[in-house]
Amino acid sequence: MPNWSCMKNCGACCYLEPSERPELEDYLSWEELKQYHDLVGEDGWCVHYQKETKTCGIYEQRPSFCRVSAENFKRMFGVNREEFDEFAIDCCCEHIASLYGEDSEEMTRYLELVDHE
């Protein structure tokens, strides 16, 4: 089974448009939900997302809900450690496909990174 990995210069998870994530209230606390909404720019992207480089401007200080880890996914989504890699890879693929397209360079690079079919 492939292991989840974050791909540099992607940023698909930084597209935060709340209307495209209607279940936010199901997995974020009230405080996290407020912080989430404060991060959303007018264009739906995180205000700290640097579009030119596709990187996070506050990476080391980013909120916990921006950190992909087995512990966070257990807390937010109820995903067990054994299911984490597959679940996280599927989340990344879904975000990449919706933003860049299923046949995009980003998707190709991501699938090669995680060696996922």
PDB file of N, CA and C in Angstrom:
ATOM      1  N   MET A   1       0.845  -1.188   0.000  1.00  0.00           N
ATOM      2  CA  MET A   1       0.000   0.000   0.000  1.00  0.00           C
ATOM      3  C   MET A   1       0.886   1.245   0.000  1.00  0.00           C
ATOM      4  N   PRO A   2       0.569   2.226  -0.840  1.00  0.00           N
ATOM      5  CA  PRO A   2       1.372   3.452  -0.890  1.00  0.00           C
ATOM      6  C   PRO A   2       1.219   4.277   0.385  1.00  0.00           C
ATOM      7  N   ASN A   3       2.249   5.036   0.689  1.00  0.00           N
ATOM      8  CA  ASN A   3       2.214   5.952   1.824  1.00  0.00           C
ATOM      9  C   ASN A   3       1.879   7.349   1.340  1.00  0.00           C
ATOM     10  N   TRP A   4       1.063   8.057   2.142  1.00  0.00           N
ATOM     11  CA  TRP A   4       0.733   9.435   1.815  1.00  0.00           C
ATOM     12  C   TRP A   4       1.997  10.283   1.891  1.00  0.00           C
ATOM     13  N   SER A   5       2.076  11.268   1.019  1.00  0.00           N
ATOM     14  CA  SER A   5       3.160  12.238   1.039  1.00  0.00           C
ATOM     15  C   SER A   5       2.622  13.544   0.478  1.00  0.00           C
ATOM     16  N   CYS A   6       3.165  14.635   0.987  1.00  0.00           N
ATOM     17  CA  CYS A   6       2.801  15.953   0.488  1.00  0.00           C
ATOM     18  C   CYS A   6       3.717  16.285  -0.678  1.00  0.00           C
ATOM     19  N   MET A   7       3.150  16.847  -1.733  1.00  0.00           N
ATOM     20  CA  MET A   7       3.924  17.197  -2.912  1.00  0.00           C
ATOM     21  C   MET A   7       4.217  18.698  -2.901  1.00  0.00           C
ATOM     22  N   LYS A   8       5.476  19.038  -3.026  1.00  0.00           N
ATOM     23  CA  LYS A   8       5.857  20.448  -3.089  1.00  0.00           C
ATOM     24  C   LYS A   8       5.296  21.097  -4.343  1.00  0.00           C
ATOM     25  N   ASN A   9       5.034  22.386  -4.234  1.00  0.00           N
ATOM     26  CA  ASN A   9       4.548  23.188  -5.347  1.00  0.00           C
ATOM     27  C   ASN A   9       3.231  22.670  -5.916  1.00  0.00           C
ATOM     28  N   CYS A  10       2.326  22.353  -5.018  1.00  0.00           N
ATOM     29  CA  CYS A  10       0.989  21.909  -5.407  1.00  0.00           C
ATOM     30  C   CYS A  10      -0.035  22.912  -4.871  1.00  0.00           C
ATOM     31  N   GLY A  11      -0.245  22.903  -3.568  1.00  0.00           N
ATOM     32  CA  GLY A  11      -1.140  23.854  -2.930  1.00  0.00           C
ATOM     33  C   GLY A  11      -2.617  23.582  -3.082  1.00  0.00           C
ATOM     34  N   ALA A  12      -2.993  22.433  -3.608  1.00  0.00           N
ATOM     35  CA  ALA A  12      -4.415  22.155  -3.807  1.00  0.00           C
ATOM     36  C   ALA A  12      -5.197  22.257  -2.495  1.00  0.00           C
ATOM     37  N   CYS A  13      -4.595  21.855  -1.408  1.00  0.00           N
ATOM     38  CA  CYS A  13      -5.291  21.912  -0.118  1.00  0.00           C
ATOM     39  C   CYS A  13      -5.438  23.344   0.392  1.00  0.00           C
ATOM     40  N   CYS A  14      -4.760  24.288  -0.222  1.00  0.00           N
ATOM     41  CA  CYS A  14      -4.828  25.690   0.196  1.00  0.00           C
ATOM     42  C   CYS A  14      -6.026  26.416  -0.409  1.00  0.00           C
ATOM     43  N   TYR A  15      -6.749  25.749  -1.277  1.00  0.00           N
ATOM     44  CA  TYR A  15      -7.985  26.328  -1.791  1.00  0.00           C
ATOM     45  C   TYR A  15      -9.059  26.026  -0.756  1.00  0.00           C
ATOM     46  N   LEU A  16      -9.494  27.046  -0.045  1.00  0.00           N
ATOM     47  CA  LEU A  16     -10.331  26.877   1.139  1.00  0.00           C
ATOM     48  C   LEU A  16     -11.792  27.257   0.961  1.00  0.00           C
ATOM     49  N   GLU A  17     -12.221  27.561  -0.229  1.00  0.00           N
ATOM     50  CA  GLU A  17     -13.581  28.049  -0.457  1.00  0.00           C
ATOM     51  C   GLU A  17     -14.595  27.237   0.371  1.00  0.00           C
ATOM     52  N   PRO A  18     -15.214  27.855   1.381  1.00  0.00           N
ATOM     53  CA  PRO A  18     -16.122  27.125   2.267  1.00  0.00           C
ATOM     54  C   PRO A  18     -17.310  26.479   1.562  1.00  0.00           C
ATOM     55  N   SER A  19     -17.802  27.089   0.490  1.00  0.00           N
ATOM     56  CA  SER A  19     -18.951  26.507  -0.206  1.00  0.00           C
ATOM     57  C   SER A  19     -18.601  25.164  -0.848  1.00  0.00           C
ATOM     58  N   GLU A  20     -17.312  24.918  -1.058  1.00  0.00           N
ATOM     59  CA  GLU A  20     -16.883  23.645  -1.622  1.00  0.00           C
ATOM     60  C   GLU A  20     -16.506  22.633  -0.541  1.00  0.00           C
ATOM     61  N   ARG A  21     -16.613  23.050   0.720  1.00  0.00           N
ATOM     62  CA  ARG A  21     -16.341  22.167   1.858  1.00  0.00           C
ATOM     63  C   ARG A  21     -17.475  22.334   2.871  1.00  0.00           C
ATOM     64  N   PRO A  22     -18.680  21.919   2.483  1.00  0.00           N
ATOM     65  CA  PRO A  22     -19.855  22.172   3.332  1.00  0.00           C
ATOM     66  C   PRO A  22     -19.833  21.429   4.664  1.00  0.00           C
ATOM     67  N   GLU A  23     -19.000  20.442   4.809  1.00  0.00           N
ATOM     68  CA  GLU A  23     -18.974  19.655   6.035  1.00  0.00           C
ATOM     69  C   GLU A  23     -17.977  20.171   7.068  1.00  0.00           C
ATOM     70  N   LEU A  24     -17.462  21.359   6.905  1.00  0.00           N
ATOM     71  CA  LEU A  24     -16.470  21.930   7.823  1.00  0.00           C
ATOM     72  C   LEU A  24     -16.922  21.874   9.275  1.00  0.00           C
ATOM     73  N   GLU A  25     -18.178  22.181   9.525  1.00  0.00           N
ATOM     74  CA  GLU A  25     -18.700  22.192  10.894  1.00  0.00           C
ATOM     75  C   GLU A  25     -18.696  20.801  11.524  1.00  0.00           C
ATOM     76  N   ASP A  26     -18.607  19.775  10.693  1.00  0.00           N
ATOM     77  CA  ASP A  26     -18.604  18.410  11.219  1.00  0.00           C
ATOM     78  C   ASP A  26     -17.263  18.021  11.827  1.00  0.00           C
ATOM     79  N   TYR A  27     -16.182  18.657  11.394  1.00  0.00           N
ATOM     80  CA  TYR A  27     -14.875  18.223  11.875  1.00  0.00           C
ATOM     81  C   TYR A  27     -13.981  19.323  12.427  1.00  0.00           C
ATOM     82  N   LEU A  28     -14.438  20.569  12.404  1.00  0.00           N
ATOM     83  CA  LEU A  28     -13.664  21.646  13.011  1.00  0.00           C
ATOM     84  C   LEU A  28     -14.404  22.164  14.242  1.00  0.00           C
ATOM     85  N   SER A  29     -13.642  22.505  15.281  1.00  0.00           N
ATOM     86  CA  SER A  29     -14.244  23.119  16.457  1.00  0.00           C
ATOM     87  C   SER A  29     -14.709  24.528  16.081  1.00  0.00           C
ATOM     88  N   TRP A  30     -15.481  25.146  16.963  1.00  0.00           N
ATOM     89  CA  TRP A  30     -15.950  26.509  16.703  1.00  0.00           C
ATOM     90  C   TRP A  30     -14.775  27.450  16.481  1.00  0.00           C
ATOM     91  N   GLU A  31     -13.727  27.336  17.319  1.00  0.00           N
ATOM     92  CA  GLU A  31     -12.548  28.193  17.196  1.00  0.00           C
ATOM     93  C   GLU A  31     -11.821  27.937  15.875  1.00  0.00           C
ATOM     94  N   GLU A  32     -11.675  26.666  15.511  1.00  0.00           N
ATOM     95  CA  GLU A  32     -11.016  26.326  14.246  1.00  0.00           C
ATOM     96  C   GLU A  32     -11.826  26.822  13.058  1.00  0.00           C
ATOM     97  N   LEU A  33     -13.134  26.716  13.152  1.00  0.00           N
ATOM     98  CA  LEU A  33     -14.003  27.166  12.066  1.00  0.00           C
ATOM     99  C   LEU A  33     -13.861  28.675  11.854  1.00  0.00           C
ATOM    100  N   LYS A  34     -13.808  29.418  12.929  1.00  0.00           N
ATOM    101  CA  LYS A  34     -13.597  30.861  12.827  1.00  0.00           C
ATOM    102  C   LYS A  34     -12.236  31.151  12.196  1.00  0.00           C
ATOM    103  N   GLN A  35     -11.198  30.456  12.660  1.00  0.00           N
ATOM    104  CA  GLN A  35      -9.856  30.654  12.109  1.00  0.00           C
ATOM    105  C   GLN A  35      -9.843  30.298  10.621  1.00  0.00           C
ATOM    106  N   TYR A  36     -10.486  29.203  10.263  1.00  0.00           N
ATOM    107  CA  TYR A  36     -10.576  28.778   8.864  1.00  0.00           C
ATOM    108  C   TYR A  36     -11.163  29.898   8.010  1.00  0.00           C
ATOM    109  N   HIS A  37     -12.316  30.416   8.433  1.00  0.00           N
ATOM    110  CA  HIS A  37     -12.978  31.476   7.657  1.00  0.00           C
ATOM    111  C   HIS A  37     -12.123  32.740   7.573  1.00  0.00           C
ATOM    112  N   ASP A  38     -11.358  33.022   8.626  1.00  0.00           N
ATOM    113  CA  ASP A  38     -10.464  34.178   8.601  1.00  0.00           C
ATOM    114  C   ASP A  38      -9.331  34.008   7.586  1.00  0.00           C
ATOM    115  N   LEU A  39      -9.000  32.770   7.247  1.00  0.00           N
ATOM    116  CA  LEU A  39      -7.907  32.491   6.312  1.00  0.00           C
ATOM    117  C   LEU A  39      -8.336  32.559   4.844  1.00  0.00           C
ATOM    118  N   VAL A  40      -9.640  32.524   4.603  1.00  0.00           N
ATOM    119  CA  VAL A  40     -10.145  32.473   3.228  1.00  0.00           C
ATOM    120  C   VAL A  40     -10.118  33.858   2.592  1.00  0.00           C
ATOM    121  N   GLY A  41      -9.388  33.969   1.487  1.00  0.00           N
ATOM    122  CA  GLY A  41      -9.352  35.219   0.735  1.00  0.00           C
ATOM    123  C   GLY A  41     -10.563  35.354  -0.166  1.00  0.00           C
ATOM    124  N   GLU A  42     -10.703  36.509  -0.795  1.00  0.00           N
ATOM    125  CA  GLU A  42     -11.847  36.770  -1.675  1.00  0.00           C
ATOM    126  C   GLU A  42     -11.938  35.780  -2.824  1.00  0.00           C
ATOM    127  N   ASP A  43     -10.793  35.242  -3.249  1.00  0.00           N
ATOM    128  CA  ASP A  43     -10.780  34.299  -4.365  1.00  0.00           C
ATOM    129  C   ASP A  43     -10.902  32.842  -3.922  1.00  0.00           C
ATOM    130  N   GLY A  44     -11.100  32.614  -2.626  1.00  0.00           N
ATOM    131  CA  GLY A  44     -11.254  31.255  -2.116  1.00  0.00           C
ATOM    132  C   GLY A  44      -9.958  30.618  -1.657  1.00  0.00           C
ATOM    133  N   TRP A  45      -8.827  31.204  -2.008  1.00  0.00           N
ATOM    134  CA  TRP A  45      -7.527  30.669  -1.608  1.00  0.00           C
ATOM    135  C   TRP A  45      -7.154  31.210  -0.231  1.00  0.00           C
ATOM    136  N   CYS A  46      -6.364  30.459   0.495  1.00  0.00           N
ATOM    137  CA  CYS A  46      -5.847  30.911   1.774  1.00  0.00           C
ATOM    138  C   CYS A  46      -5.071  32.211   1.560  1.00  0.00           C
ATOM    139  N   VAL A  47      -5.245  33.138   2.469  1.00  0.00           N
ATOM    140  CA  VAL A  47      -4.565  34.427   2.334  1.00  0.00           C
ATOM    141  C   VAL A  47      -3.044  34.285   2.453  1.00  0.00           C
ATOM    142  N   HIS A  48      -2.569  33.162   2.966  1.00  0.00           N
ATOM    143  CA  HIS A  48      -1.133  32.933   3.111  1.00  0.00           C
ATOM    144  C   HIS A  48      -0.542  32.096   1.970  1.00  0.00           C
ATOM    145  N   TYR A  49      -1.393  31.674   1.059  1.00  0.00           N
ATOM    146  CA  TYR A  49      -0.933  30.876  -0.076  1.00  0.00           C
ATOM    147  C   TYR A  49      -0.223  31.779  -1.075  1.00  0.00           C
ATOM    148  N   GLN A  50       0.976  31.410  -1.437  1.00  0.00           N
ATOM    149  CA  GLN A  50       1.763  32.189  -2.393  1.00  0.00           C
ATOM    150  C   GLN A  50       1.632  31.530  -3.765  1.00  0.00           C
ATOM    151  N   LYS A  51       0.768  32.103  -4.585  1.00  0.00           N
ATOM    152  CA  LYS A  51       0.408  31.501  -5.868  1.00  0.00           C
ATOM    153  C   LYS A  51       1.581  31.358  -6.824  1.00  0.00           C
ATOM    154  N   GLU A  52       2.506  32.287  -6.788  1.00  0.00           N
ATOM    155  CA  GLU A  52       3.639  32.232  -7.716  1.00  0.00           C
ATOM    156  C   GLU A  52       4.491  30.979  -7.494  1.00  0.00           C
ATOM    157  N   THR A  53       4.658  30.604  -6.240  1.00  0.00           N
ATOM    158  CA  THR A  53       5.508  29.453  -5.909  1.00  0.00           C
ATOM    159  C   THR A  53       4.707  28.238  -5.454  1.00  0.00           C
ATOM    160  N   LYS A  54       3.393  28.405  -5.329  1.00  0.00           N
ATOM    161  CA  LYS A  54       2.516  27.351  -4.830  1.00  0.00           C
ATOM    162  C   LYS A  54       3.012  26.827  -3.486  1.00  0.00           C
ATOM    163  N   THR A  55       3.274  27.753  -2.585  1.00  0.00           N
ATOM    164  CA  THR A  55       3.749  27.398  -1.241  1.00  0.00           C
ATOM    165  C   THR A  55       2.968  28.171  -0.185  1.00  0.00           C
ATOM    166  N   CYS A  56       3.101  27.718   1.050  1.00  0.00           N
ATOM    167  CA  CYS A  56       2.436  28.335   2.194  1.00  0.00           C
ATOM    168  C   CYS A  56       3.371  29.363   2.819  1.00  0.00           C
ATOM    169  N   GLY A  57       2.875  30.560   3.026  1.00  0.00           N
ATOM    170  CA  GLY A  57       3.674  31.617   3.617  1.00  0.00           C
ATOM    171  C   GLY A  57       3.839  31.497   5.122  1.00  0.00           C
ATOM    172  N   ILE A  58       3.048  30.623   5.757  1.00  0.00           N
ATOM    173  CA  ILE A  58       3.154  30.426   7.211  1.00  0.00           C
ATOM    174  C   ILE A  58       3.307  28.936   7.539  1.00  0.00           C
ATOM    175  N   TYR A  59       3.985  28.218   6.685  1.00  0.00           N
ATOM    176  CA  TYR A  59       4.040  26.759   6.789  1.00  0.00           C
ATOM    177  C   TYR A  59       4.353  26.266   8.203  1.00  0.00           C
ATOM    178  N   GLU A  60       5.380  26.805   8.829  1.00  0.00           N
ATOM    179  CA  GLU A  60       5.768  26.342  10.170  1.00  0.00           C
ATOM    180  C   GLU A  60       4.741  26.739  11.230  1.00  0.00           C
ATOM    181  N   GLN A  61       3.950  27.781  10.983  1.00  0.00           N
ATOM    182  CA  GLN A  61       2.959  28.245  11.944  1.00  0.00           C
ATOM    183  C   GLN A  61       1.521  27.952  11.511  1.00  0.00           C
ATOM    184  N   ARG A  62       1.344  27.149  10.488  1.00  0.00           N
ATOM    185  CA  ARG A  62      -0.002  26.893   9.972  1.00  0.00           C
ATOM    186  C   ARG A  62      -0.863  26.201  11.045  1.00  0.00           C
ATOM    187  N   PRO A  63      -2.171  26.402  10.974  1.00  0.00           N
ATOM    188  CA  PRO A  63      -3.075  25.803  11.957  1.00  0.00           C
ATOM    189  C   PRO A  63      -3.039  24.278  11.922  1.00  0.00           C
ATOM    190  N   SER A  64      -3.484  23.681  13.001  1.00  0.00           N
ATOM    191  CA  SER A  64      -3.460  22.218  13.079  1.00  0.00           C
ATOM    192  C   SER A  64      -4.329  21.578  12.002  1.00  0.00           C
ATOM    193  N   PHE A  65      -5.439  22.217  11.627  1.00  0.00           N
ATOM    194  CA  PHE A  65      -6.299  21.610  10.604  1.00  0.00           C
ATOM    195  C   PHE A  65      -5.659  21.631   9.218  1.00  0.00           C
ATOM    196  N   CYS A  66      -4.552  22.342   9.068  1.00  0.00           N
ATOM    197  CA  CYS A  66      -3.800  22.337   7.810  1.00  0.00           C
ATOM    198  C   CYS A  66      -2.715  21.257   7.804  1.00  0.00           C
ATOM    199  N   ARG A  67      -2.541  20.584   8.898  1.00  0.00           N
ATOM    200  CA  ARG A  67      -1.474  19.584   9.030  1.00  0.00           C
ATOM    201  C   ARG A  67      -2.046  18.189   8.793  1.00  0.00           C
ATOM    202  N   VAL A  68      -1.529  17.546   7.782  1.00  0.00           N
ATOM    203  CA  VAL A  68      -1.989  16.198   7.455  1.00  0.00           C
ATOM    204  C   VAL A  68      -1.178  15.213   8.283  1.00  0.00           C
ATOM    205  N   SER A  69      -1.865  14.575   9.213  1.00  0.00           N
ATOM    206  CA  SER A  69      -1.230  13.561  10.048  1.00  0.00           C
ATOM    207  C   SER A  69      -2.285  12.554  10.468  1.00  0.00           C
ATOM    208  N   ALA A  70      -1.838  11.378  10.837  1.00  0.00           N
ATOM    209  CA  ALA A  70      -2.769  10.342  11.280  1.00  0.00           C
ATOM    210  C   ALA A  70      -3.562  10.824  12.497  1.00  0.00           C
ATOM    211  N   GLU A  71      -2.906  11.544  13.410  1.00  0.00           N
ATOM    212  CA  GLU A  71      -3.579  12.038  14.605  1.00  0.00           C
ATOM    213  C   GLU A  71      -4.670  13.045  14.257  1.00  0.00           C
ATOM    214  N   ASN A  72      -4.362  13.991  13.375  1.00  0.00           N
ATOM    215  CA  ASN A  72      -5.363  14.981  12.979  1.00  0.00           C
ATOM    216  C   ASN A  72      -6.519  14.340  12.227  1.00  0.00           C
ATOM    217  N   PHE A  73      -6.227  13.398  11.362  1.00  0.00           N
ATOM    218  CA  PHE A  73      -7.295  12.760  10.602  1.00  0.00           C
ATOM    219  C   PHE A  73      -8.158  11.882  11.503  1.00  0.00           C
ATOM    220  N   LYS A  74      -7.594  11.324  12.542  1.00  0.00           N
ATOM    221  CA  LYS A  74      -8.375  10.568  13.526  1.00  0.00           C
ATOM    222  C   LYS A  74      -9.323  11.525  14.248  1.00  0.00           C
ATOM    223  N   ARG A  75      -8.780  12.664  14.688  1.00  0.00           N
ATOM    224  CA  ARG A  75      -9.570  13.654  15.423  1.00  0.00           C
ATOM    225  C   ARG A  75     -10.668  14.262  14.549  1.00  0.00           C
ATOM    226  N   MET A  76     -10.318  14.655  13.345  1.00  0.00           N
ATOM    227  CA  MET A  76     -11.275  15.377  12.507  1.00  0.00           C
ATOM    228  C   MET A  76     -12.245  14.459  11.762  1.00  0.00           C
ATOM    229  N   PHE A  77     -11.736  13.353  11.244  1.00  0.00           N
ATOM    230  CA  PHE A  77     -12.563  12.527  10.359  1.00  0.00           C
ATOM    231  C   PHE A  77     -12.851  11.124  10.898  1.00  0.00           C
ATOM    232  N   GLY A  78     -12.252  10.782  12.040  1.00  0.00           N
ATOM    233  CA  GLY A  78     -12.453   9.440  12.592  1.00  0.00           C
ATOM    234  C   GLY A  78     -11.734   8.355  11.814  1.00  0.00           C
ATOM    235  N   VAL A  79     -10.689   8.738  11.090  1.00  0.00           N
ATOM    236  CA  VAL A  79      -9.936   7.787  10.263  1.00  0.00           C
ATOM    237  C   VAL A  79      -8.879   7.094  11.121  1.00  0.00           C
ATOM    238  N   ASN A  80      -8.909   5.769  11.133  1.00  0.00           N
ATOM    239  CA  ASN A  80      -7.916   5.002  11.881  1.00  0.00           C
ATOM    240  C   ASN A  80      -6.564   5.054  11.197  1.00  0.00           C
ATOM    241  N   ARG A  81      -5.516   4.820  11.949  1.00  0.00           N
ATOM    242  CA  ARG A  81      -4.139   4.849  11.436  1.00  0.00           C
ATOM    243  C   ARG A  81      -3.992   3.934  10.215  1.00  0.00           C
ATOM    244  N   GLU A  82      -4.628   2.778  10.265  1.00  0.00           N
ATOM    245  CA  GLU A  82      -4.519   1.818   9.163  1.00  0.00           C
ATOM    246  C   GLU A  82      -5.137   2.348   7.877  1.00  0.00           C
ATOM    247  N   GLU A  83      -6.084   3.259   8.000  1.00  0.00           N
ATOM    248  CA  GLU A  83      -6.783   3.819   6.842  1.00  0.00           C
ATOM    249  C   GLU A  83      -6.214   5.169   6.401  1.00  0.00           C
ATOM    250  N   PHE A  84      -5.316   5.735   7.213  1.00  0.00           N
ATOM    251  CA  PHE A  84      -4.845   7.096   6.996  1.00  0.00           C
ATOM    252  C   PHE A  84      -4.246   7.317   5.612  1.00  0.00           C
ATOM    253  N   ASP A  85      -3.275   6.503   5.215  1.00  0.00           N
ATOM    254  CA  ASP A  85      -2.582   6.743   3.941  1.00  0.00           C
ATOM    255  C   ASP A  85      -3.546   6.740   2.766  1.00  0.00           C
ATOM    256  N   GLU A  86      -4.384   5.738   2.689  1.00  0.00           N
ATOM    257  CA  GLU A  86      -5.333   5.653   1.579  1.00  0.00           C
ATOM    258  C   GLU A  86      -6.301   6.832   1.589  1.00  0.00           C
ATOM    259  N   PHE A  87      -6.813   7.174   2.763  1.00  0.00           N
ATOM    260  CA  PHE A  87      -7.747   8.287   2.894  1.00  0.00           C
ATOM    261  C   PHE A  87      -7.088   9.600   2.489  1.00  0.00           C
ATOM    262  N   ALA A  88      -5.887   9.864   2.990  1.00  0.00           N
ATOM    263  CA  ALA A  88      -5.181  11.115   2.694  1.00  0.00           C
ATOM    264  C   ALA A  88      -4.826  11.215   1.210  1.00  0.00           C
ATOM    265  N   ILE A  89      -4.382  10.113   0.614  1.00  0.00           N
ATOM    266  CA  ILE A  89      -4.076  10.107  -0.820  1.00  0.00           C
ATOM    267  C   ILE A  89      -5.333  10.422  -1.625  1.00  0.00           C
ATOM    268  N   ASP A  90      -6.447   9.792  -1.255  1.00  0.00           N
ATOM    269  CA  ASP A  90      -7.704  10.064  -1.949  1.00  0.00           C
ATOM    270  C   ASP A  90      -8.115  11.531  -1.825  1.00  0.00           C
ATOM    271  N   CYS A  91      -7.931  12.117  -0.621  1.00  0.00           N
ATOM    272  CA  CYS A  91      -8.243  13.542  -0.425  1.00  0.00           C
ATOM    273  C   CYS A  91      -7.391  14.409  -1.348  1.00  0.00           C
ATOM    274  N   CYS A  92      -6.095  14.124  -1.397  1.00  0.00           N
ATOM    275  CA  CYS A  92      -5.201  14.904  -2.253  1.00  0.00           C
ATOM    276  C   CYS A  92      -5.604  14.767  -3.716  1.00  0.00           C
ATOM    277  N   CYS A  93      -5.871  13.553  -4.148  1.00  0.00           N
ATOM    278  CA  CYS A  93      -6.266  13.332  -5.544  1.00  0.00           C
ATOM    279  C   CYS A  93      -7.552  14.082  -5.877  1.00  0.00           C
ATOM    280  N   GLU A  94      -8.489  14.087  -4.945  1.00  0.00           N
ATOM    281  CA  GLU A  94      -9.751  14.796  -5.167  1.00  0.00           C
ATOM    282  C   GLU A  94      -9.514  16.300  -5.313  1.00  0.00           C
ATOM    283  N   HIS A  95      -8.699  16.865  -4.426  1.00  0.00           N
ATOM    284  CA  HIS A  95      -8.421  18.301  -4.500  1.00  0.00           C
ATOM    285  C   HIS A  95      -7.636  18.656  -5.763  1.00  0.00           C
ATOM    286  N   ILE A  96      -6.645  17.872  -6.083  1.00  0.00           N
ATOM    287  CA  ILE A  96      -5.834  18.133  -7.277  1.00  0.00           C
ATOM    288  C   ILE A  96      -6.699  18.057  -8.532  1.00  0.00           C
ATOM    289  N   ALA A  97      -7.524  17.025  -8.622  1.00  0.00           N
ATOM    290  CA  ALA A  97      -8.388  16.864  -9.798  1.00  0.00           C
ATOM    291  C   ALA A  97      -9.369  18.028  -9.927  1.00  0.00           C
ATOM    292  N   SER A  98      -9.946  18.460  -8.798  1.00  0.00           N
ATOM    293  CA  SER A  98     -10.942  19.531  -8.884  1.00  0.00           C
ATOM    294  C   SER A  98     -10.323  20.877  -9.253  1.00  0.00           C
ATOM    295  N   LEU A  99      -9.074  21.097  -8.868  1.00  0.00           N
ATOM    296  CA  LEU A  99      -8.430  22.385  -9.163  1.00  0.00           C
ATOM    297  C   LEU A  99      -7.638  22.401 -10.465  1.00  0.00           C
ATOM    298  N   TYR A 100      -6.888  21.349 -10.684  1.00  0.00           N
ATOM    299  CA  TYR A 100      -5.960  21.333 -11.819  1.00  0.00           C
ATOM    300  C   TYR A 100      -6.380  20.381 -12.938  1.00  0.00           C
ATOM    301  N   GLY A 101      -7.257  19.438 -12.629  1.00  0.00           N
ATOM    302  CA  GLY A 101      -7.718  18.470 -13.623  1.00  0.00           C
ATOM    303  C   GLY A 101      -7.096  17.097 -13.417  1.00  0.00           C
ATOM    304  N   GLU A 102      -7.853  16.082 -13.803  1.00  0.00           N
ATOM    305  CA  GLU A 102      -7.394  14.702 -13.630  1.00  0.00           C
ATOM    306  C   GLU A 102      -6.176  14.366 -14.482  1.00  0.00           C
ATOM    307  N   ASP A 103      -6.001  15.071 -15.591  1.00  0.00           N
ATOM    308  CA  ASP A 103      -4.868  14.810 -16.481  1.00  0.00           C
ATOM    309  C   ASP A 103      -3.794  15.889 -16.364  1.00  0.00           C
ATOM    310  N   SER A 104      -3.801  16.624 -15.270  1.00  0.00           N
ATOM    311  CA  SER A 104      -2.864  17.728 -15.090  1.00  0.00           C
ATOM    312  C   SER A 104      -1.459  17.242 -14.727  1.00  0.00           C
ATOM    313  N   GLU A 105      -0.503  18.147 -14.912  1.00  0.00           N
ATOM    314  CA  GLU A 105       0.875  17.867 -14.501  1.00  0.00           C
ATOM    315  C   GLU A 105       0.926  17.588 -12.997  1.00  0.00           C
ATOM    316  N   GLU A 106       0.136  18.353 -12.226  1.00  0.00           N
ATOM    317  CA  GLU A 106       0.115  18.165 -10.775  1.00  0.00           C
ATOM    318  C   GLU A 106      -0.364  16.756 -10.411  1.00  0.00           C
ATOM    319  N   MET A 107      -1.402  16.276 -11.082  1.00  0.00           N
ATOM    320  CA  MET A 107      -1.916  14.939 -10.783  1.00  0.00           C
ATOM    321  C   MET A 107      -0.887  13.879 -11.159  1.00  0.00           C
ATOM    322  N   THR A 108      -0.277  14.036 -12.309  1.00  0.00           N
ATOM    323  CA  THR A 108       0.749  13.085 -12.744  1.00  0.00           C
ATOM    324  C   THR A 108       1.890  13.033 -11.736  1.00  0.00           C
ATOM    325  N   ARG A 109       2.359  14.204 -11.327  1.00  0.00           N
ATOM    326  CA  ARG A 109       3.451  14.254 -10.351  1.00  0.00           C
ATOM    327  C   ARG A 109       3.039  13.624  -9.020  1.00  0.00           C
ATOM    328  N   TYR A 110       1.803  13.888  -8.595  1.00  0.00           N
ATOM    329  CA  TYR A 110       1.359  13.346  -7.316  1.00  0.00           C
ATOM    330  C   TYR A 110       1.253  11.822  -7.359  1.00  0.00           C
ATOM    331  N   LEU A 111       0.670  11.307  -8.424  1.00  0.00           N
ATOM    332  CA  LEU A 111       0.538   9.852  -8.526  1.00  0.00           C
ATOM    333  C   LEU A 111       1.887   9.176  -8.603  1.00  0.00           C
ATOM    334  N   GLU A 112       2.843   9.799  -9.250  1.00  0.00           N
ATOM    335  CA  GLU A 112       4.200   9.253  -9.279  1.00  0.00           C
ATOM    336  C   GLU A 112       4.827   9.291  -7.887  1.00  0.00           C
ATOM    337  N   LEU A 113       4.571  10.376  -7.151  1.00  0.00           N
ATOM    338  CA  LEU A 113       5.123  10.532  -5.814  1.00  0.00           C
ATOM    339  C   LEU A 113       4.631   9.442  -4.873  1.00  0.00           C
ATOM    340  N   VAL A 114       3.353   9.181  -4.914  1.00  0.00           N
ATOM    341  CA  VAL A 114       2.792   8.179  -3.993  1.00  0.00           C
ATOM    342  C   VAL A 114       2.702   6.795  -4.623  1.00  0.00           C
ATOM    343  N   ASP A 115       3.132   6.695  -5.892  1.00  0.00           N
ATOM    344  CA  ASP A 115       3.113   5.416  -6.599  1.00  0.00           C
ATOM    345  C   ASP A 115       1.735   4.779  -6.492  1.00  0.00           C
ATOM    346  N   HIS A 116       0.727   5.567  -6.856  1.00  0.00           N
ATOM    347  CA  HIS A 116      -0.662   5.189  -6.684  1.00  0.00           C
ATOM    348  C   HIS A 116      -1.308   4.979  -8.057  1.00  0.00           C
ATOM    349  N   GLU A 117      -2.000   3.929  -8.184  1.00  0.00           N
ATOM    350  CA  GLU A 117      -2.707   3.636  -9.447  1.00  0.00           C
ATOM    351  C   GLU A 117      -4.155   4.030  -9.338  1.00  0.00           C
TER     352      GLU A 117
END
